[in-house]
PDB file of all heavy atoms in Angstrom:
ATOM      1  N   LEU A   1      82.646  80.575 109.697  1.00  0.00           N
ATOM      2  CA  LEU A   1      83.153  81.822 110.311  1.00  0.00           C
ATOM      3  C   LEU A   1      83.927  81.535 111.580  1.00  0.00           C
ATOM      4  O   LEU A   1      84.971  82.168 111.828  1.00  0.00           O
ATOM      5  CB  LEU A   1      81.963  82.743 110.624  1.00  0.00           C
ATOM      6  CG  LEU A   1      81.287  83.407 109.408  1.00  0.00           C
ATOM      7  CD1 LEU A   1      80.026  84.125 109.838  1.00  0.00           C
ATOM      8  CD2 LEU A   1      82.204  84.339 108.692  1.00  0.00           C
ATOM      9  N   GLY A   2      83.467  80.601 112.374  1.00  0.00           N
ATOM     10  CA  GLY A   2      84.189  80.238 113.599  1.00  0.00           C
ATOM     11  C   GLY A   2      85.550  79.665 113.284  1.00  0.00           C
ATOM     12  O   GLY A   2      86.551  79.993 113.967  1.00  0.00           O
ATOM     13  N   ALA A   3      85.640  78.800 112.263  1.00  0.00           N
ATOM     14  CA  ALA A   3      86.924  78.257 111.850  1.00  0.00           C
ATOM     15  C   ALA A   3      87.868  79.354 111.355  1.00  0.00           C
ATOM     16  O   ALA A   3      89.065  79.364 111.675  1.00  0.00           O
ATOM     17  CB  ALA A   3      86.708  77.203 110.756  1.00  0.00           C
ATOM     18  N   MET A   4      87.333  80.299 110.557  1.00  0.00           N
ATOM     19  CA  MET A   4      88.155  81.392 110.087  1.00  0.00           C
ATOM     20  C   MET A   4      88.658  82.252 111.244  1.00  0.00           C
ATOM     21  O   MET A   4      89.825  82.631 111.311  1.00  0.00           O
ATOM     22  CB  MET A   4      87.361  82.288 109.128  1.00  0.00           C
ATOM     23  CG  MET A   4      87.002  81.626 107.812  1.00  0.00           C
ATOM     24  SD  MET A   4      85.892  82.619 106.768  1.00  0.00           S
ATOM     25  CE  MET A   4      86.931  84.046 106.398  1.00  0.00           C
ATOM     26  N   GLY A   5      87.769  82.536 112.209  1.00  0.00           N
ATOM     27  CA  GLY A   5      88.170  83.307 113.369  1.00  0.00           C
ATOM     28  C   GLY A   5      89.238  82.587 114.209  1.00  0.00           C
ATOM     29  O   GLY A   5      90.159  83.234 114.687  1.00  0.00           O
ATOM     30  N   PHE A   6      89.062  81.303 114.363  1.00  0.00           N
ATOM     31  CA  PHE A   6      90.045  80.551 115.160  1.00  0.00           C
ATOM     32  C   PHE A   6      91.429  80.580 114.459  1.00  0.00           C
ATOM     33  O   PHE A   6      92.437  80.739 115.149  1.00  0.00           O
ATOM     34  CB  PHE A   6      89.572  79.100 115.297  1.00  0.00           C
ATOM     35  CG  PHE A   6      90.467  78.244 116.189  1.00  0.00           C
ATOM     36  CD1 PHE A   6      90.334  78.284 117.575  1.00  0.00           C
ATOM     37  CD2 PHE A   6      91.455  77.442 115.644  1.00  0.00           C
ATOM     38  CE1 PHE A   6      91.157  77.548 118.413  1.00  0.00           C
ATOM     39  CE2 PHE A   6      92.291  76.691 116.458  1.00  0.00           C
ATOM     40  CZ  PHE A   6      92.134  76.735 117.808  1.00  0.00           C
ATOM     41  N   PHE A   7      91.430  80.418 113.173  1.00  0.00           N
ATOM     42  CA  PHE A   7      92.700  80.434 112.412  1.00  0.00           C
ATOM     43  C   PHE A   7      93.372  81.810 112.511  1.00  0.00           C
ATOM     44  O   PHE A   7      94.587  81.888 112.777  1.00  0.00           O
ATOM     45  CB  PHE A   7      92.466  80.096 110.942  1.00  0.00           C
ATOM     46  CG  PHE A   7      93.707  80.127 110.089  1.00  0.00           C
ATOM     47  CD1 PHE A   7      94.636  79.140 110.181  1.00  0.00           C
ATOM     48  CD2 PHE A   7      93.938  81.223 109.255  1.00  0.00           C
ATOM     49  CE1 PHE A   7      95.820  79.176 109.417  1.00  0.00           C
ATOM     50  CE2 PHE A   7      95.075  81.262 108.472  1.00  0.00           C
ATOM     51  CZ  PHE A   7      96.023  80.250 108.542  1.00  0.00           C
ATOM     52  N   VAL A   8      92.586  82.866 112.336  1.00  0.00           N
ATOM     53  CA  VAL A   8      93.193  84.215 112.478  1.00  0.00           C
ATOM     54  C   VAL A   8      93.658  84.452 113.881  1.00  0.00           C
ATOM     55  O   VAL A   8      94.704  85.083 114.105  1.00  0.00           O
ATOM     56  CB  VAL A   8      92.141  85.282 112.058  1.00  0.00           C
ATOM     57  CG1 VAL A   8      92.684  86.707 112.337  1.00  0.00           C
ATOM     58  CG2 VAL A   8      91.792  85.160 110.588  1.00  0.00           C
ATOM     59  N   GLY A   9      92.902  83.935 114.889  1.00  0.00           N
ATOM     60  CA  GLY A   9      93.322  84.012 116.267  1.00  0.00           C
ATOM     61  C   GLY A   9      94.647  83.335 116.525  1.00  0.00           C
ATOM     62  O   GLY A   9      95.491  83.811 117.314  1.00  0.00           O
ATOM     63  N   CYS A  10      94.865  82.216 115.850  1.00  0.00           N
ATOM     64  CA  CYS A  10      96.143  81.483 115.971  1.00  0.00           C
ATOM     65  C   CYS A  10      97.287  82.374 115.425  1.00  0.00           C
ATOM     66  O   CYS A  10      98.410  82.391 115.995  1.00  0.00           O
ATOM     67  CB  CYS A  10      96.090  80.177 115.235  1.00  0.00           C
ATOM     68  SG  CYS A  10      95.046  78.894 116.001  1.00  0.00           S
ATOM     69  N   LEU A  11      97.020  83.074 114.338  1.00  0.00           N
ATOM     70  CA  LEU A  11      98.036  83.964 113.773  1.00  0.00           C
ATOM     71  C   LEU A  11      98.372  85.093 114.748  1.00  0.00           C
ATOM     72  O   LEU A  11      99.502  85.460 114.937  1.00  0.00           O
ATOM     73  CB  LEU A  11      97.541  84.563 112.447  1.00  0.00           C
ATOM     74  CG  LEU A  11      97.335  83.595 111.274  1.00  0.00           C
ATOM     75  CD1 LEU A  11      96.834  84.337 110.061  1.00  0.00           C
ATOM     76  CD2 LEU A  11      98.606  82.829 110.964  1.00  0.00           C
ATOM     77  N   VAL A  12      97.322  85.684 115.349  1.00  0.00           N
ATOM     78  CA  VAL A  12      97.501  86.753 116.324  1.00  0.00           C
ATOM     79  C   VAL A  12      98.277  86.280 117.559  1.00  0.00           C
ATOM     80  O   VAL A  12      99.156  86.962 118.043  1.00  0.00           O
ATOM     81  CB  VAL A  12      96.150  87.373 116.739  1.00  0.00           C
ATOM     82  CG1 VAL A  12      96.364  88.422 117.833  1.00  0.00           C
ATOM     83  CG2 VAL A  12      95.450  88.021 115.553  1.00  0.00           C
ATOM     84  N   LYS A  13      97.959  85.075 117.988  1.00  0.00           N
ATOM     85  CA  LYS A  13      98.687  84.530 119.172  1.00  0.00           C
ATOM     86  C   LYS A  13     100.134  84.265 118.838  1.00  0.00           C
ATOM     87  O   LYS A  13     101.047  84.496 119.660  1.00  0.00           O
ATOM     88  CB  LYS A  13      97.998  83.237 119.631  1.00  0.00           C
ATOM     89  CG  LYS A  13      98.652  82.627 120.882  1.00  0.00           C
ATOM     90  CD  LYS A  13      97.942  81.401 121.360  1.00  0.00           C
ATOM     91  CE  LYS A  13      98.585  80.872 122.615  1.00  0.00           C
ATOM     92  NZ  LYS A  13      97.907  79.629 123.132  1.00  0.00           N
ATOM     93  N   SER A  14     100.385  83.790 117.612  1.00  0.00           N
ATOM     94  CA  SER A  14     101.740  83.487 117.190  1.00  0.00           C
ATOM     95  C   SER A  14     102.583  84.766 117.100  1.00  0.00           C
ATOM     96  O   SER A  14     103.785  84.751 117.413  1.00  0.00           O
ATOM     97  CB  SER A  14     101.746  82.783 115.813  1.00  0.00           C
ATOM     98  OG  SER A  14     103.055  82.549 115.381  1.00  0.00           O
ATOM     99  N   ASP A  15     101.975  85.858 116.644  1.00  0.00           N
ATOM    100  CA  ASP A  15     102.698  87.126 116.559  1.00  0.00           C
ATOM    101  C   ASP A  15     101.760  88.252 116.868  1.00  0.00           C
ATOM    102  O   ASP A  15     100.992  88.730 115.989  1.00  0.00           O
ATOM    103  CB  ASP A  15     103.292  87.343 115.139  1.00  0.00           C
ATOM    104  CG  ASP A  15     104.296  88.488 115.129  1.00  0.00           C
ATOM    105  OD1 ASP A  15     104.247  89.334 116.029  1.00  0.00           O
ATOM    106  OD2 ASP A  15     105.113  88.553 114.192  1.00  0.00           O
ATOM    107  N   PRO A  16     101.688  88.733 118.123  1.00  0.00           N
ATOM    108  CA  PRO A  16     100.765  89.783 118.521  1.00  0.00           C
ATOM    109  C   PRO A  16     100.965  91.096 117.793  1.00  0.00           C
ATOM    110  O   PRO A  16     100.100  91.973 117.806  1.00  0.00           O
ATOM    111  CB  PRO A  16     101.076  89.963 120.032  1.00  0.00           C
ATOM    112  CG  PRO A  16     101.684  88.675 120.454  1.00  0.00           C
ATOM    113  CD  PRO A  16     102.457  88.212 119.281  1.00  0.00           C
ATOM    114  N   MET A  17     102.116  91.270 117.106  1.00  0.00           N
ATOM    115  CA  MET A  17     102.358  92.515 116.366  1.00  0.00           C
ATOM    116  C   MET A  17     101.381  92.704 115.220  1.00  0.00           C
ATOM    117  O   MET A  17     101.269  93.814 114.670  1.00  0.00           O
ATOM    118  CB  MET A  17     103.797  92.555 115.850  1.00  0.00           C
ATOM    119  CG  MET A  17     104.814  92.824 116.925  1.00  0.00           C
ATOM    120  SD  MET A  17     104.740  94.544 117.514  1.00  0.00           S
ATOM    121  CE  MET A  17     105.544  95.396 116.198  1.00  0.00           C
ATOM    122  N   ILE A  18     100.670  91.658 114.769  1.00  0.00           N
ATOM    123  CA  ILE A  18      99.743  91.823 113.643  1.00  0.00           C
ATOM    124  C   ILE A  18      98.346  92.207 114.122  1.00  0.00           C
ATOM    125  O   ILE A  18      97.475  92.409 113.336  1.00  0.00           O
ATOM    126  CB  ILE A  18      99.652  90.525 112.811  1.00  0.00           C
ATOM    127  CG1 ILE A  18      98.897  89.389 113.587  1.00  0.00           C
ATOM    128  CG2 ILE A  18     101.023  90.032 112.404  1.00  0.00           C
ATOM    129  CD1 ILE A  18      98.430  88.270 112.715  1.00  0.00           C
ATOM    130  N   SER A  19      98.166  92.269 115.408  1.00  0.00           N
ATOM    131  CA  SER A  19      96.796  92.559 115.937  1.00  0.00           C
ATOM    132  C   SER A  19      96.391  93.991 115.632  1.00  0.00           C
ATOM    133  O   SER A  19      97.218  94.885 115.511  1.00  0.00           O
ATOM    134  CB  SER A  19      96.744  92.297 117.434  1.00  0.00           C
ATOM    135  OG  SER A  19      97.635  93.163 118.121  1.00  0.00           O
ATOM    136  N   GLY A  20      95.111  94.186 115.521  1.00  0.00           N
ATOM    137  CA  GLY A  20      94.556  95.550 115.369  1.00  0.00           C
ATOM    138  C   GLY A  20      94.988  96.215 114.051  1.00  0.00           C
ATOM    139  O   GLY A  20      95.228  95.573 113.036  1.00  0.00           O
ATOM    140  N   SER A  21      95.055  97.520 114.093  1.00  0.00           N
ATOM    141  CA  SER A  21      95.358  98.338 112.958  1.00  0.00           C
ATOM    142  C   SER A  21      96.738  98.068 112.375  1.00  0.00           C
ATOM    143  O   SER A  21      96.944  97.924 111.195  1.00  0.00           O
ATOM    144  CB  SER A  21      95.171  99.820 113.269  1.00  0.00           C
ATOM    145  OG  SER A  21      95.705 100.655 112.268  1.00  0.00           O
ATOM    146  N   GLY A  22      97.758  98.129 113.251  1.00  0.00           N
ATOM    147  CA  GLY A  22      99.125  98.000 112.814  1.00  0.00           C
ATOM    148  C   GLY A  22      99.837  99.324 112.793  1.00  0.00           C
ATOM    149  O   GLY A  22     101.093  99.369 112.845  1.00  0.00           O
ATOM    150  N   ILE A  23      99.094 100.428 112.717  1.00  0.00           N
ATOM    151  CA  ILE A  23      99.740 101.726 112.663  1.00  0.00           C
ATOM    152  C   ILE A  23     100.454 102.068 113.998  1.00  0.00           C
ATOM    153  O   ILE A  23     101.559 102.587 113.994  1.00  0.00           O
ATOM    154  CB  ILE A  23      98.718 102.802 112.271  1.00  0.00           C
ATOM    155  CG1 ILE A  23      98.239 102.566 110.854  1.00  0.00           C
ATOM    156  CG2 ILE A  23      99.291 104.222 112.413  1.00  0.00           C
ATOM    157  CD1 ILE A  23      97.165 103.535 110.371  1.00  0.00           C
ATOM    158  N   PRO A  24      99.803 101.782 115.171  1.00  0.00           N
ATOM    159  CA  PRO A  24     100.545 102.030 116.410  1.00  0.00           C
ATOM    160  C   PRO A  24     101.845 101.230 116.488  1.00  0.00           C
ATOM    161  O   PRO A  24     102.840 101.710 117.025  1.00  0.00           O
ATOM    162  CB  PRO A  24      99.545 101.594 117.495  1.00  0.00           C
ATOM    163  CG  PRO A  24      98.202 101.739 116.840  1.00  0.00           C
ATOM    164  CD  PRO A  24      98.445 101.399 115.417  1.00  0.00           C
ATOM    165  N   GLN A  25     101.799  99.992 115.982  1.00  0.00           N
ATOM    166  CA  GLN A  25     103.036  99.183 116.001  1.00  0.00           C
ATOM    167  C   GLN A  25     104.144  99.814 115.121  1.00  0.00           C
ATOM    168  O   GLN A  25     105.299  99.829 115.540  1.00  0.00           O
ATOM    169  CB  GLN A  25     102.740  97.740 115.483  1.00  0.00           C
ATOM    170  CG  GLN A  25     101.871  96.925 116.414  1.00  0.00           C
ATOM    171  CD  GLN A  25     100.396  97.053 116.129  1.00  0.00           C
ATOM    172  OE1 GLN A  25      99.872  98.142 115.990  1.00  0.00           O
ATOM    173  NE2 GLN A  25      99.700  95.934 115.966  1.00  0.00           N
ATOM    174  N   VAL A  26     103.748 100.370 113.968  1.00  0.00           N
ATOM    175  CA  VAL A  26     104.719 101.017 113.113  1.00  0.00           C
ATOM    176  C   VAL A  26     105.332 102.242 113.842  1.00  0.00           C
ATOM    177  O   VAL A  26     106.558 102.438 113.824  1.00  0.00           O
ATOM    178  CB  VAL A  26     104.078 101.485 111.808  1.00  0.00           C
ATOM    179  CG1 VAL A  26     105.049 102.313 110.983  1.00  0.00           C
ATOM    180  CG2 VAL A  26     103.623 100.267 110.990  1.00  0.00           C
ATOM    181  N   GLU A  27     104.511 102.993 114.518  1.00  0.00           N
ATOM    182  CA  GLU A  27     105.003 104.153 115.267  1.00  0.00           C
ATOM    183  C   GLU A  27     105.920 103.731 116.394  1.00  0.00           C
ATOM    184  O   GLU A  27     106.919 104.383 116.683  1.00  0.00           O
ATOM    185  CB  GLU A  27     103.819 104.973 115.778  1.00  0.00           C
ATOM    186  CG  GLU A  27     103.012 105.613 114.647  1.00  0.00           C
ATOM    187  CD  GLU A  27     101.843 106.487 115.190  1.00  0.00           C
ATOM    188  OE1 GLU A  27     101.680 106.509 116.415  1.00  0.00           O
ATOM    189  OE2 GLU A  27     101.139 107.051 114.369  1.00  0.00           O
ATOM    190  N   GLY A  28     105.560 102.631 117.074  1.00  0.00           N
ATOM    191  CA  GLY A  28     106.383 102.089 118.132  1.00  0.00           C
ATOM    192  C   GLY A  28     107.754 101.631 117.645  1.00  0.00           C
ATOM    193  O   GLY A  28     108.791 101.827 118.306  1.00  0.00           O
ATOM    194  N   ILE A  29     107.813 101.072 116.448  1.00  0.00           N
ATOM    195  CA  ILE A  29     109.054 100.630 115.872  1.00  0.00           C
ATOM    196  C   ILE A  29     109.925 101.854 115.543  1.00  0.00           C
ATOM    197  O   ILE A  29     111.141 101.846 115.812  1.00  0.00           O
ATOM    198  CB  ILE A  29     108.803  99.786 114.590  1.00  0.00           C
ATOM    199  CG1 ILE A  29     108.215  98.437 114.968  1.00  0.00           C
ATOM    200  CG2 ILE A  29     110.119  99.562 113.836  1.00  0.00           C
ATOM    201  CD1 ILE A  29     107.741  97.595 113.812  1.00  0.00           C
ATOM    202  N   LEU A  30     109.333 102.867 114.995  1.00  0.00           N
ATOM    203  CA  LEU A  30     110.076 104.084 114.665  1.00  0.00           C
ATOM    204  C   LEU A  30     110.585 104.799 115.937  1.00  0.00           C
ATOM    205  O   LEU A  30     111.598 105.491 115.889  1.00  0.00           O
ATOM    206  CB  LEU A  30     109.200 105.038 113.859  1.00  0.00           C
ATOM    207  CG  LEU A  30     108.890 104.569 112.411  1.00  0.00           C
ATOM    208  CD1 LEU A  30     107.872 105.514 111.782  1.00  0.00           C
ATOM    209  CD2 LEU A  30     110.142 104.542 111.584  1.00  0.00           C
ATOM    210  N   MET A  31     109.865 104.628 117.027  1.00  0.00           N
ATOM    211  CA  MET A  31     110.264 105.221 118.320  1.00  0.00           C
ATOM    212  C   MET A  31     111.294 104.351 119.020  1.00  0.00           C
ATOM    213  O   MET A  31     111.712 104.684 120.135  1.00  0.00           O
ATOM    214  CB  MET A  31     109.052 105.450 119.180  1.00  0.00           C
ATOM    215  CG  MET A  31     108.094 106.494 118.716  1.00  0.00           C
ATOM    216  SD  MET A  31     106.548 106.484 119.642  1.00  0.00           S
ATOM    217  CE  MET A  31     107.166 106.810 121.291  1.00  0.00           C
ATOM    218  N   LYS A  32     111.638 103.184 118.432  1.00  0.00           N
ATOM    219  CA  LYS A  32     112.596 102.261 119.010  1.00  0.00           C
ATOM    220  C   LYS A  32     112.068 101.577 120.286  1.00  0.00           C
ATOM    221  O   LYS A  32     112.819 101.122 121.128  1.00  0.00           O
ATOM    222  CB  LYS A  32     113.925 102.935 119.341  1.00  0.00           C
ATOM    223  CG  LYS A  32     114.548 103.682 118.165  1.00  0.00           C
ATOM    224  CD  LYS A  32     114.954 102.707 117.083  1.00  0.00           C
ATOM    225  CE  LYS A  32     115.669 103.458 115.920  1.00  0.00           C
ATOM    226  NZ  LYS A  32     115.968 102.555 114.794  1.00  0.00           N
ATOM    227  N   ARG A  33     110.728 101.538 120.433  1.00  0.00           N
ATOM    228  CA  ARG A  33     110.137 100.925 121.624  1.00  0.00           C
ATOM    229  C   ARG A  33     109.553  99.558 121.321  1.00  0.00           C
ATOM    230  O   ARG A  33     109.174  98.836 122.231  1.00  0.00           O
ATOM    231  CB  ARG A  33     109.084 101.837 122.240  1.00  0.00           C
ATOM    232  CG  ARG A  33     109.679 103.141 122.780  1.00  0.00           C
ATOM    233  CD  ARG A  33     108.669 103.854 123.657  1.00  0.00           C
ATOM    234  NE  ARG A  33     109.282 105.099 124.222  1.00  0.00           N
ATOM    235  CZ  ARG A  33     109.984 105.135 125.319  1.00  0.00           C
ATOM    236  NH1 ARG A  33     110.232 104.051 126.031  1.00  0.00           N
ATOM    237  NH2 ARG A  33     110.494 106.286 125.776  1.00  0.00           N
ATOM    238  N   LEU A  34     109.416  99.212 120.058  1.00  0.00           N
ATOM    239  CA  LEU A  34     108.926  97.924 119.650  1.00  0.00           C
ATOM    240  C   LEU A  34     109.848  97.371 118.580  1.00  0.00           C
ATOM    241  O   LEU A  34     110.500  98.091 117.868  1.00  0.00           O
ATOM    242  CB  LEU A  34     107.496  97.995 119.084  1.00  0.00           C
ATOM    243  CG  LEU A  34     106.372  98.349 120.092  1.00  0.00           C
ATOM    244  CD1 LEU A  34     105.072  98.527 119.320  1.00  0.00           C
ATOM    245  CD2 LEU A  34     106.201  97.336 121.188  1.00  0.00           C
ATOM    246  N   ASP A  35     109.848  96.030 118.500  1.00  0.00           N
ATOM    247  CA  ASP A  35     110.634  95.384 117.445  1.00  0.00           C
ATOM    248  C   ASP A  35     109.752  94.366 116.785  1.00  0.00           C
ATOM    249  O   ASP A  35     108.785  93.910 117.436  1.00  0.00           O
ATOM    250  CB  ASP A  35     111.893  94.760 118.021  1.00  0.00           C
ATOM    251  CG  ASP A  35     112.917  94.435 116.947  1.00  0.00           C
ATOM    252  OD1 ASP A  35     112.695  94.852 115.787  1.00  0.00           O
ATOM    253  OD2 ASP A  35     113.914  93.762 117.270  1.00  0.00           O
ATOM    254  N   ALA A  36     110.044  93.996 115.573  1.00  0.00           N
ATOM    255  CA  ALA A  36     109.139  93.050 114.852  1.00  0.00           C
ATOM    256  C   ALA A  36     109.947  92.223 113.897  1.00  0.00           C
ATOM    257  O   ALA A  36     110.997  92.631 113.365  1.00  0.00           O
ATOM    258  CB  ALA A  36     108.063  93.812 114.099  1.00  0.00           C
ATOM    259  N   ASN A  37     109.462  91.015 113.623  1.00  0.00           N
ATOM    260  CA  ASN A  37     109.953  90.160 112.578  1.00  0.00           C
ATOM    261  C   ASN A  37     109.214  90.552 111.289  1.00  0.00           C
ATOM    262  O   ASN A  37     108.081  90.198 111.091  1.00  0.00           O
ATOM    263  CB  ASN A  37     109.707  88.679 112.919  1.00  0.00           C
ATOM    264  CG  ASN A  37     110.254  87.731 111.874  1.00  0.00           C
ATOM    265  OD1 ASN A  37     110.116  87.943 110.683  1.00  0.00           O
ATOM    266  ND2 ASN A  37     110.857  86.647 112.329  1.00  0.00           N
ATOM    267  N   TRP A  38     109.872  91.284 110.409  1.00  0.00           N
ATOM    268  CA  TRP A  38     109.210  91.935 109.301  1.00  0.00           C
ATOM    269  C   TRP A  38     108.547  90.914 108.356  1.00  0.00           C
ATOM    270  O   TRP A  38     107.439  91.160 107.895  1.00  0.00           O
ATOM    271  CB  TRP A  38     110.167  92.809 108.507  1.00  0.00           C
ATOM    272  CG  TRP A  38     111.247  92.071 107.770  1.00  0.00           C
ATOM    273  CD1 TRP A  38     112.469  91.692 108.223  1.00  0.00           C
ATOM    274  CD2 TRP A  38     111.126  91.537 106.428  1.00  0.00           C
ATOM    275  NE1 TRP A  38     113.155  90.995 107.272  1.00  0.00           N
ATOM    276  CE2 TRP A  38     112.375  90.898 106.167  1.00  0.00           C
ATOM    277  CE3 TRP A  38     110.169  91.565 105.447  1.00  0.00           C
ATOM    278  CZ2 TRP A  38     112.610  90.270 104.934  1.00  0.00           C
ATOM    279  CZ3 TRP A  38     110.407  90.967 104.234  1.00  0.00           C
ATOM    280  CH2 TRP A  38     111.615  90.297 103.983  1.00  0.00           C
ATOM    281  N   LEU A  39     109.196  89.802 108.094  1.00  0.00           N
ATOM    282  CA  LEU A  39     108.628  88.822 107.151  1.00  0.00           C
ATOM    283  C   LEU A  39     107.417  88.152 107.729  1.00  0.00           C
ATOM    284  O   LEU A  39     106.397  87.986 107.038  1.00  0.00           O
ATOM    285  CB  LEU A  39     109.696  87.791 106.791  1.00  0.00           C
ATOM    286  CG  LEU A  39     109.241  86.711 105.781  1.00  0.00           C
ATOM    287  CD1 LEU A  39     108.815  87.387 104.476  1.00  0.00           C
ATOM    288  CD2 LEU A  39     110.404  85.739 105.507  1.00  0.00           C
ATOM    289  N   ARG A  40     107.451  87.776 108.982  1.00  0.00           N
ATOM    290  CA  ARG A  40     106.323  87.138 109.643  1.00  0.00           C
ATOM    291  C   ARG A  40     105.128  88.092 109.714  1.00  0.00           C
ATOM    292  O   ARG A  40     103.982  87.719 109.458  1.00  0.00           O
ATOM    293  CB  ARG A  40     106.716  86.643 111.025  1.00  0.00           C
ATOM    294  CG  ARG A  40     105.648  85.747 111.671  1.00  0.00           C
ATOM    295  CD  ARG A  40     106.216  85.101 112.912  1.00  0.00           C
ATOM    296  NE  ARG A  40     106.662  86.074 113.891  1.00  0.00           N
ATOM    297  CZ  ARG A  40     107.628  85.831 114.801  1.00  0.00           C
ATOM    298  NH1 ARG A  40     108.283  84.677 114.795  1.00  0.00           N
ATOM    299  NH2 ARG A  40     107.952  86.773 115.682  1.00  0.00           N
ATOM    300  N   VAL A  41     105.404  89.331 110.077  1.00  0.00           N
ATOM    301  CA  VAL A  41     104.332  90.334 110.154  1.00  0.00           C
ATOM    302  C   VAL A  41     103.695  90.536 108.759  1.00  0.00           C
ATOM    303  O   VAL A  41     102.484  90.592 108.651  1.00  0.00           O
ATOM    304  CB  VAL A  41     104.885  91.697 110.695  1.00  0.00           C
ATOM    305  CG1 VAL A  41     103.855  92.811 110.492  1.00  0.00           C
ATOM    306  CG2 VAL A  41     105.225  91.544 112.168  1.00  0.00           C
ATOM    307  N   LEU A  42     104.523  90.620 107.748  1.00  0.00           N
ATOM    308  CA  LEU A  42     104.034  90.842 106.381  1.00  0.00           C
ATOM    309  C   LEU A  42     103.131  89.707 105.942  1.00  0.00           C
ATOM    310  O   LEU A  42     102.019  89.934 105.455  1.00  0.00           O
ATOM    311  CB  LEU A  42     105.236  90.942 105.409  1.00  0.00           C
ATOM    312  CG  LEU A  42     104.876  91.144 103.930  1.00  0.00           C
ATOM    313  CD1 LEU A  42     104.048  92.414 103.704  1.00  0.00           C
ATOM    314  CD2 LEU A  42     106.152  91.155 103.090  1.00  0.00           C
TER     315      LEU A  42
END
């Protein structure tokens, strides 16, 4: 579990846009206040 958590943490650090739910990020993009690398986020 610790190894899994560390790996997922590395993903979050690499791209903070994947953190949490993701719905606020989508709303931020639609409001033109956030930008994202769509392929990396996916």
